[in-house]
Structure formats: structure tokens, C-alpha cells
Protein backbone atom coordinates (compact mmCIF):
# COMPACT_ATOMS: atom_id res chain seq x y z
CA UNK A 1 112.87 93.84 120.57
CA UNK A 2 113.20 97.62 120.71
CA UNK A 3 110.70 99.39 122.94
CA UNK A 4 108.30 101.82 121.31
CA UNK A 5 104.79 102.08 119.78
CA UNK A 6 105.34 99.25 117.30
CA UNK A 7 106.51 96.89 120.04
CA UNK A 8 103.49 97.73 122.16
CA UNK A 9 101.15 97.06 119.25
CA UNK A 10 102.92 93.80 118.42
CA UNK A 11 102.68 92.51 122.01
CA UNK A 12 99.04 93.63 122.24
CA UNK A 13 98.14 91.87 118.98
CA UNK A 14 100.01 88.73 120.01
CA UNK A 15 98.14 88.62 123.34
CA UNK A 16 94.83 89.10 121.52
CA UNK A 17 95.53 86.23 119.11
CA UNK A 18 96.72 83.87 121.83
CA UNK A 19 93.56 84.64 123.79
CA UNK A 20 91.35 83.77 120.80
CA UNK A 21 93.10 80.55 119.76
CA UNK A 22 92.59 77.42 121.84
CA UNK A 23 95.97 75.78 121.18
CA UNK A 24 98.13 78.48 119.64
CA UNK A 25 101.40 77.66 117.91
CA UNK A 26 103.51 80.33 119.58
CA UNK A 27 105.90 80.82 116.64
CA UNK A 28 103.15 81.05 114.02
CA UNK A 29 101.01 83.33 116.20
CA UNK A 30 103.98 85.59 116.86
CA UNK A 31 104.68 85.89 113.13
CA UNK A 32 101.02 86.55 112.38
CA UNK A 33 101.01 89.27 115.07
CA UNK A 34 104.08 90.81 113.41
CA UNK A 35 102.28 90.79 110.05
CA UNK A 36 99.18 92.46 111.47
CA UNK A 37 101.31 95.05 113.27
CA UNK A 38 103.31 95.90 110.16
CA UNK A 39 100.21 96.03 107.97
CA UNK A 40 98.56 98.57 110.27
CA UNK A 41 101.61 100.76 110.85
CA UNK A 42 102.96 100.49 107.32
CA UNK A 43 99.54 100.86 105.73
CA UNK A 44 100.81 98.47 103.08
CA UNK A 45 100.84 94.73 102.39
CA UNK A 46 104.17 94.36 100.62
CA UNK A 47 106.35 92.27 102.90
CA UNK A 48 109.34 94.60 102.92
CA UNK A 49 107.08 97.51 103.86
CA UNK A 50 105.59 95.50 106.73
CA UNK A 51 109.06 94.51 107.94
CA UNK A 52 110.32 98.09 108.09
CA UNK A 53 107.82 99.01 110.81
CA UNK A 54 108.59 96.11 113.14
CA UNK A 55 110.59 96.60 116.37
CA UNK A 56 113.16 93.88 115.63
CA UNK A 57 116.82 94.81 115.33
CA UNK A 58 117.61 92.55 112.37
CA UNK A 59 117.99 93.04 108.64
CA UNK A 60 114.73 93.76 106.84
CA UNK A 61 115.51 90.92 104.43
CA UNK A 62 115.61 88.45 107.35
CA UNK A 63 112.14 89.51 108.50
CA UNK A 64 110.85 89.30 104.94
CA UNK A 65 112.14 85.72 104.68
CA UNK A 66 110.32 84.91 107.92
CA UNK A 67 107.08 86.25 106.43
CA UNK A 68 107.68 84.29 103.23
CA UNK A 69 107.99 81.08 105.23
CA UNK A 70 104.76 81.91 107.08
CA UNK A 71 102.64 82.54 103.98
CA UNK A 72 104.04 79.35 102.40
CA UNK A 73 103.38 77.25 105.53
CA UNK A 74 100.52 74.81 104.91
CA UNK A 75 99.91 74.55 108.67
CA UNK A 76 98.42 78.06 108.50
CA UNK A 77 94.84 77.21 107.64
CA UNK A 78 93.19 80.55 106.88
CA UNK A 79 89.69 79.58 108.00
CA UNK A 80 90.94 78.13 111.29
CA UNK A 81 92.95 81.25 112.12
CA UNK A 82 90.19 83.70 111.17
CA UNK A 83 87.19 81.82 112.58
CA UNK A 84 87.58 83.17 116.16
CA UNK A 85 87.22 86.72 114.80
CA UNK A 86 84.01 85.75 113.00
CA UNK A 87 82.51 84.26 116.16
CA UNK A 88 83.64 87.30 118.16
CA UNK A 89 81.82 89.59 115.70
CA UNK A 90 78.65 87.50 115.80
CA UNK A 91 78.79 87.36 119.58
CA UNK A 92 78.10 91.09 119.86
CA UNK A 93 75.72 91.41 116.88
CA UNK A 94 72.00 90.74 116.87
CA UNK A 95 70.66 87.63 115.18
CA UNK A 96 67.84 89.12 113.08
CA UNK A 97 68.89 89.55 109.44
CA UNK A 98 72.35 89.04 107.94
CA UNK A 99 73.07 90.74 104.62
CA UNK A 100 75.90 88.80 102.98
CA UNK A 101 77.72 90.50 100.11
CA UNK A 102 79.77 88.66 97.49
CA UNK A 103 82.36 90.17 95.19
CA UNK A 104 85.80 89.70 93.59
CA UNK A 105 88.82 91.98 93.65
CA UNK A 106 92.26 92.02 92.09
CA UNK A 107 95.00 90.72 94.39
CA UNK A 108 98.43 91.29 92.94
CA UNK A 109 99.29 91.10 89.24
CA UNK A 110 97.88 87.65 88.45
CA UNK A 111 95.17 86.73 90.96
CA UNK A 112 91.64 87.58 92.06
CA UNK A 113 90.24 87.17 95.55
CA UNK A 114 86.62 86.08 95.98
CA UNK A 115 85.23 87.43 99.24
CA UNK A 116 82.04 87.07 101.28
CA UNK A 117 81.31 89.58 103.99
CA UNK A 118 78.62 90.86 106.33
CA UNK A 119 77.13 94.28 105.52
CA UNK A 120 78.01 96.61 108.38
CA UNK A 121 77.33 100.37 108.53
CA UNK A 122 78.45 101.26 105.02
CA UNK A 123 81.25 98.70 104.83
CA UNK A 124 81.66 94.92 105.14
CA UNK A 125 82.99 92.62 107.86
CA UNK A 126 84.90 89.78 106.14
CA UNK A 127 83.59 86.26 106.70
CA UNK A 128 85.62 84.20 104.23
CA UNK A 129 87.65 84.44 101.05
CA UNK A 130 89.44 82.38 98.43
CA UNK A 131 92.00 83.50 95.85
CA UNK A 132 92.27 82.13 92.32
CA UNK A 133 94.55 82.66 89.36
CA UNK A 134 93.34 85.19 86.80
CA UNK A 135 93.58 88.93 86.15
CA UNK A 136 90.02 89.54 84.96
CA UNK A 137 86.79 87.87 84.05
CA UNK A 138 84.22 86.04 86.12
CA UNK A 139 84.92 83.02 88.27
CA UNK A 140 82.74 79.94 87.84
CA UNK A 141 79.56 79.59 89.87
CA UNK A 142 80.84 76.42 91.56
CA UNK A 143 83.56 78.49 93.24
CA UNK A 144 81.02 81.02 94.47
CA UNK A 145 78.90 78.21 95.89
CA UNK A 146 81.92 76.66 97.62
CA UNK A 147 82.60 79.93 99.44
CA UNK A 148 78.97 80.15 100.53
CA UNK A 149 79.19 76.58 101.86
CA UNK A 150 82.31 77.58 103.80
CA UNK A 151 80.65 80.50 105.59
CA UNK A 152 77.22 78.86 106.07
CA UNK A 153 77.96 77.59 109.63
CA UNK A 154 78.55 81.18 110.78
CA UNK A 155 75.03 82.22 109.78
CA UNK A 156 72.84 79.46 111.18
CA UNK A 157 71.63 81.50 114.15
CA UNK A 158 70.27 84.38 112.04
CA UNK A 159 66.53 84.61 111.48
CA UNK A 160 67.09 85.52 107.84
CA UNK A 161 70.07 85.59 105.48
CA UNK A 162 69.97 87.75 102.33
CA UNK A 163 72.79 87.37 99.79
CA UNK A 164 73.66 90.27 97.48
CA UNK A 165 75.88 90.11 94.42
CA UNK A 166 76.42 91.50 90.95
CA UNK A 167 75.89 89.70 87.64
CA UNK A 168 78.86 87.40 88.22
CA UNK A 169 76.91 85.59 90.95
CA UNK A 170 73.50 85.15 89.30
CA UNK A 171 74.34 81.62 88.13
CA UNK A 172 72.48 78.34 88.59
CA UNK A 173 74.98 76.85 91.10
CA UNK A 174 74.59 79.89 93.38
CA UNK A 175 70.83 80.43 93.05
CA UNK A 176 70.07 76.71 93.23
CA UNK A 177 72.11 76.33 96.42
CA UNK A 178 70.59 79.45 98.02
CA UNK A 179 67.07 78.22 97.33
CA UNK A 180 67.84 74.84 98.91
CA UNK A 181 69.21 76.63 101.97
CA UNK A 182 66.16 78.90 102.06
CA UNK A 183 68.40 81.91 102.05
CA UNK A 184 67.02 84.99 100.34
CA UNK A 185 68.95 86.78 97.63
CA UNK A 186 69.04 89.81 95.35
CA UNK A 187 71.39 89.36 92.40
CA UNK A 188 72.00 91.42 89.32
CA UNK A 189 71.71 89.75 85.90
CA UNK A 190 72.22 90.64 82.25
CA UNK A 191 69.24 92.00 80.32
CA UNK A 192 69.88 89.48 77.52
CA UNK A 193 68.91 86.54 79.77
CA UNK A 194 65.74 84.67 78.79
CA UNK A 195 62.91 84.87 81.36
CA UNK A 196 59.29 83.78 81.58
CA UNK A 197 56.92 86.32 83.10
CA UNK A 198 53.83 84.11 83.28
CA UNK A 199 53.45 80.36 83.69
CA UNK A 200 53.54 78.69 80.27
CA UNK A 201 54.23 82.09 78.71
CA UNK A 202 56.79 82.74 76.01
CA UNK A 203 60.47 83.08 76.78
CA UNK A 204 61.81 86.60 76.24
CA UNK A 205 64.93 88.54 77.04
CA UNK A 206 64.57 90.81 80.05
CA UNK A 207 65.26 93.76 77.76
CA UNK A 208 62.28 92.81 75.59
CA UNK A 209 60.09 92.59 78.70
CA UNK A 210 60.90 96.01 80.09
CA UNK A 211 60.85 97.70 76.69
CA UNK A 212 57.36 96.30 76.11
CA UNK A 213 56.02 98.19 79.13
CA UNK A 214 57.72 101.43 78.05
CA UNK A 215 60.06 101.85 81.00
CA UNK A 216 61.63 105.25 81.52
CA UNK A 217 64.27 106.72 83.79
CA UNK A 218 63.35 106.95 87.52
CA UNK A 219 60.95 104.02 87.24
CA UNK A 220 60.90 100.64 89.01
CA UNK A 221 58.95 97.62 87.72
CA UNK A 222 58.46 94.20 89.34
CA UNK A 223 57.35 90.86 87.92
CA UNK A 224 56.59 88.32 90.63
CA UNK A 225 56.36 84.52 90.33
CA UNK A 226 58.54 84.64 87.24
CA UNK A 227 60.86 81.92 85.92
CA UNK A 228 64.55 82.76 85.57
CA UNK A 229 66.48 81.62 82.48
CA UNK A 230 65.18 79.21 79.90
CA UNK A 231 68.06 76.81 80.53
CA UNK A 232 67.64 76.37 84.30
CA UNK A 233 63.99 77.42 84.79
CA UNK A 234 64.14 78.50 88.43
CA UNK A 235 60.57 79.48 89.18
CA UNK A 236 58.73 81.57 91.76
CA UNK A 237 61.24 84.43 91.67
CA UNK A 238 60.85 88.20 91.50
CA UNK A 239 62.34 90.10 88.58
CA UNK A 240 62.97 93.79 89.23
CA UNK A 241 64.04 96.45 86.76
CA UNK A 242 65.23 99.74 88.23
CA UNK A 243 66.09 102.58 85.89
CA UNK A 244 67.95 105.11 87.99
CA UNK A 245 67.91 108.81 87.24
CA UNK A 246 70.73 109.67 84.85
CA UNK A 247 71.59 106.03 84.10
CA UNK A 248 72.07 104.91 80.49
CA UNK A 249 70.26 101.61 81.03
CA UNK A 250 68.23 99.97 83.79
CA UNK A 251 69.44 97.58 86.46
CA UNK A 252 68.00 94.04 86.22
CA UNK A 253 67.67 92.05 89.46
CA UNK A 254 66.50 88.52 90.24
CA UNK A 255 65.36 87.95 93.79
CA UNK A 256 63.57 85.55 96.10
CA UNK A 257 62.11 88.55 97.95
CA UNK A 258 58.59 89.79 97.19
CA UNK A 259 58.17 93.11 95.39
CA UNK A 260 56.88 94.62 98.65
CA UNK A 261 60.36 94.16 100.14
CA UNK A 262 61.77 96.54 97.48
CA UNK A 263 64.67 94.39 96.23
CA UNK A 264 66.15 97.36 94.39
CA UNK A 265 66.62 99.19 97.70
CA UNK A 266 68.07 96.13 99.43
CA UNK A 267 70.53 95.73 96.56
CA UNK A 268 71.99 99.17 97.21
CA UNK A 269 73.95 97.67 100.12
CA UNK A 270 75.98 95.64 97.64
CA UNK A 271 78.15 98.68 96.97
CA UNK A 272 79.28 98.68 100.60
CA UNK A 273 81.86 96.02 99.76
CA UNK A 274 83.67 98.63 97.67
CA UNK A 275 84.44 100.42 100.95
CA UNK A 276 86.09 97.28 102.31
CA UNK A 277 88.04 96.78 99.08
CA UNK A 278 89.10 100.42 99.21
CA UNK A 279 90.42 99.86 102.74
CA UNK A 280 92.26 96.74 101.60
CA UNK A 281 93.63 98.44 98.49
CA UNK A 282 94.13 102.08 97.44
CA UNK A 283 92.82 103.74 100.63
CA UNK A 284 94.38 101.22 102.97
CA UNK A 285 96.67 98.22 102.66
CA UNK A 286 97.38 98.24 98.90
CA UNK A 287 96.45 94.59 98.29
CA UNK A 288 96.52 95.13 94.52
CA UNK A 289 100.22 96.00 94.76
CA UNK A 290 101.39 92.79 96.38
CA UNK A 291 103.95 90.93 94.29
CA UNK A 292 102.63 87.53 95.34
CA UNK A 293 101.28 85.31 92.56
CA UNK A 294 100.42 82.06 94.38
CA UNK A 295 96.73 82.04 95.47
CA UNK A 296 97.29 80.14 98.74
CA UNK A 297 99.97 82.60 99.80
CA UNK A 298 97.76 85.58 99.01
CA UNK A 299 95.03 83.99 101.16
CA UNK A 300 97.42 83.88 104.12
CA UNK A 301 98.49 87.46 103.52
CA UNK A 302 94.82 88.46 103.32
CA UNK A 303 94.39 86.82 106.74
CA UNK A 304 96.56 89.54 108.28
CA UNK A 305 94.63 92.22 106.39
CA UNK A 306 91.28 90.80 107.51
CA UNK A 307 92.36 90.66 111.16
CA UNK A 308 93.63 94.24 110.93
CA UNK A 309 90.32 95.33 109.37
CA UNK A 310 88.29 93.70 112.14
CA UNK A 311 90.44 95.32 114.82
CA UNK A 312 90.10 98.78 113.27
CA UNK A 313 86.37 98.51 112.50
CA UNK A 314 85.69 97.17 116.00
CA UNK A 315 87.70 99.99 117.57
CA UNK A 316 86.02 102.53 115.29
CA UNK A 317 82.61 101.29 116.46
CA UNK A 318 83.70 101.61 120.10
CA UNK A 319 84.99 105.15 119.52
CA UNK A 320 81.74 106.18 117.83
CA UNK A 321 79.23 104.68 120.29
CA UNK A 322 81.16 106.00 123.29
CA UNK A 323 81.28 109.47 121.68
CA UNK A 324 85.05 109.78 121.63
CA UNK A 325 85.27 110.80 117.97
CA UNK A 326 86.38 114.34 118.81
CA UNK A 327 89.88 113.04 119.56
CA UNK A 328 90.48 112.17 115.91
CA UNK A 329 87.60 113.74 113.94
CA UNK A 330 85.85 117.10 113.80
CA UNK A 331 83.48 117.68 116.68
CA UNK A 332 80.72 119.40 114.69
CA UNK A 333 80.41 116.83 111.91
CA UNK A 334 81.54 113.37 110.75
CA UNK A 335 84.32 113.24 108.19
CA UNK A 336 85.73 109.77 108.92
CA UNK A 337 84.48 106.24 108.26
CA UNK A 338 84.46 103.63 111.02
CA UNK A 339 87.67 102.20 109.57
CA UNK A 340 89.43 105.57 109.67
CA UNK A 341 88.07 106.30 113.15
CA UNK A 342 89.60 103.04 114.32
CA UNK A 343 92.87 103.54 112.46
CA UNK A 344 93.48 107.07 113.71
CA UNK A 345 92.35 106.22 117.24
CA UNK A 346 94.76 103.28 117.38
CA UNK A 347 97.65 105.48 116.24
CA UNK A 348 96.64 108.03 118.87
CA UNK A 349 96.54 105.37 121.58
CA UNK A 350 100.01 104.20 120.56
CA UNK A 351 101.42 107.72 120.55
CA UNK A 352 100.02 108.48 124.03
CA UNK A 353 100.85 105.01 125.39
CA UNK A 354 97.16 104.31 126.08
CA UNK A 355 96.71 101.02 124.28
CA UNK A 356 94.85 99.70 127.33
CA UNK A 357 91.88 101.75 126.07
CA UNK A 358 91.60 99.61 122.95
CA UNK A 359 88.21 97.85 122.73
CA UNK A 360 86.38 96.16 119.86
CA UNK A 361 82.59 96.34 119.55
CA UNK A 362 80.33 95.26 116.71
CA UNK A 363 76.74 96.48 116.93
CA UNK A 364 73.79 97.06 114.62
CA UNK A 365 71.85 99.43 116.89
CA UNK A 366 73.39 102.76 115.93
CA UNK A 367 73.29 104.97 112.87
CA UNK A 368 76.22 106.83 111.39
CA UNK A 369 75.28 110.36 110.36
CA UNK A 370 76.15 111.21 106.74
CA UNK A 371 79.59 112.79 106.15
CA UNK A 372 79.51 116.49 106.82
CA UNK A 373 76.53 116.10 109.14
CA UNK A 374 75.74 119.25 111.10
CA UNK A 375 74.01 118.49 114.42
CA UNK A 376 70.99 120.58 115.31
């Protein structure tokens, strides 16, 4: 290997992975470390782009073939390889309330990746994912439930778990499973769904219900102890309609939370996953531009992206809480996200040969000031 910043990052990442895994396969771990290194330095997930930034004096095509063998290798179980990062994150976080966000994103030209993550200071820490064939449209509720079952062991120590998702996730398999687990939820649903506001009352569309009370923009209405959908009749739930200022139509939410918990405000965190997807795609690793079309291979590629994201978010947290942001951001205000703080700090460490200063923290007990914040 040729000495330089990329070699230092590769060796550092390899040491980190070997430390986390109990019985590491040295060849697989080395290749995974190369993938993570190339993803960070290349800021791209196409294999040739990753290979270009690696400190190996061989043809790029040879390195690409090595990566292709790795992502096709069935021994690389994604959950097994990512689980140590999940436990490391939970080890430094409090155990009060976990806000779990579900969503789907395009991965390459023919696939969609379903992801569950932990809401974290305006973004999301990945917990688990699964890729399926399909360019658009909603995945079936059974697949959503299967992902929740996969990540459930990570969340057992939390006092409360609240799941957030858009209309794709407000299905009977998901809600039924969440209620059995006694996990709370706030999920969006379509206004055409049939609901029952009072016991033994008539079934009406949600649109009929909120139009009957004359809802207007900037208003929020709650109906507690309602029954959700005539087909599945899940009772004791809260229906919330929030008509935001300037919105063409209101937002309909079904929740297990009481109205006093303001489900419409809790649901606002759901948009945080767009920050993670932005980091994985257009503002980061360009996942949508991968040429891979086999779901299992995309899952293994996403493993490298998820590890890179955790490293950068953890470093960004460390840089912020130790007040070192002035090295990469403006001193009088905040312009960078935690991800960008971590990314730029890592590049700075590599340039100055100070990678020994790399640390990952994950903490709830701090507040990011809004972008452009001017301290008093």
C-alpha cells in the first residue's frame, strides 16, 4: 500500500472494525474497510469511484472486482456486521424515549431500500434496512413489520419507543404489531380511510369528519378513543388532523398517543430521515446512482454507507460538544450539520496527520443551534 491520507484512514477503519467484531474474517473486514474508506473519500458509492481513492497500486478494475465479490458474498450478513455499531450507539445514549423513523428511498435504477433509524438531532442513526425490487410505489405492510421485528432487540432497554412513518406504514400489519409490542406510534394516513369517531357510531371518511367540524388552515383537531378503518377496526386510537398554514389540505395522523402529547408535533421528526437520505444520496454518497440491481448486493453496499454515516455523525457530535467546530465551521454561527462537521473534521485530521484525535460520541443531552445562529 502507498502511504498517505487514504492509507491512514483505511488502516484506522480496519482497526476499528476488528475491534468491534468478535471473530473477524480478516479478508472480509479488510475489504469492508476499503469500501468505507473509498466511500468517505470519494463521496460516492459507485464501485469504480470508491476504488480510485484507495492506496493500492493495482488496476482500478481489479479493486472493483474485489468489491463485486464482497457484495455478492453470502457470508457477509448485513445485520451481523452492522450490529456492533448499533450497540455502540446505544451504549452512549440515554434509555428514555426512542423515536424510530421508517421510510423508503430509491437505491439504484430498479430497487428501493426500506430503512428504520433512530431520530438524532435533526437526522437519523440507521438501525436496519432491507432492499427490494421496484422503482416506485409502496411496499407491503408485512415487509415493514419484518424490519421492525429485526430491530426490536435493539430497543428493549428504552422506557418508551415511538414509531413515526408516512402513509405507506399505516397498515394493519404494522399497527397491529406495534400495539402488541406496546410501542407507541404516529403514522400518517389517507383522508379517504373509513374511521369511527364514537363507539357504535357511523363509519365515515376522515375527510368527511374534519369537513363536518369546519376545519380551517392553522387549526389542529383531535378525536380520541376512535376506531381506525372499517376493515381492521383497531380501537382506542387518537386521530389528529393538522392543517398547516399555507397547506392545500390537512395532514391526517393515527396515533396511540393521547391528544395531550401533541402527536402532530411529534410527527414533525419524521422529516429528519430526509437528512439521512440526503447524506446517502445527492448531498453525500449518491446511493441513487449505484448501478447495482440485486437487492442483497445493495444491502451490502449500504452497509459501508451506514458505517461511514455512523463514523461521521459520531465524530461530528464529538466536535460539537467539545467546542472544536471553529476548525471547520464559522465561529460566530452554525452553518454545518453534524454529518458535515464530522466529514470536514475527518478530512482535516487526515490532512494534518492527526487521525488519533478521531472520537465517536452519541448523546441526547445537547441542542444544536439553528443554522445561522448568532450567539448573544
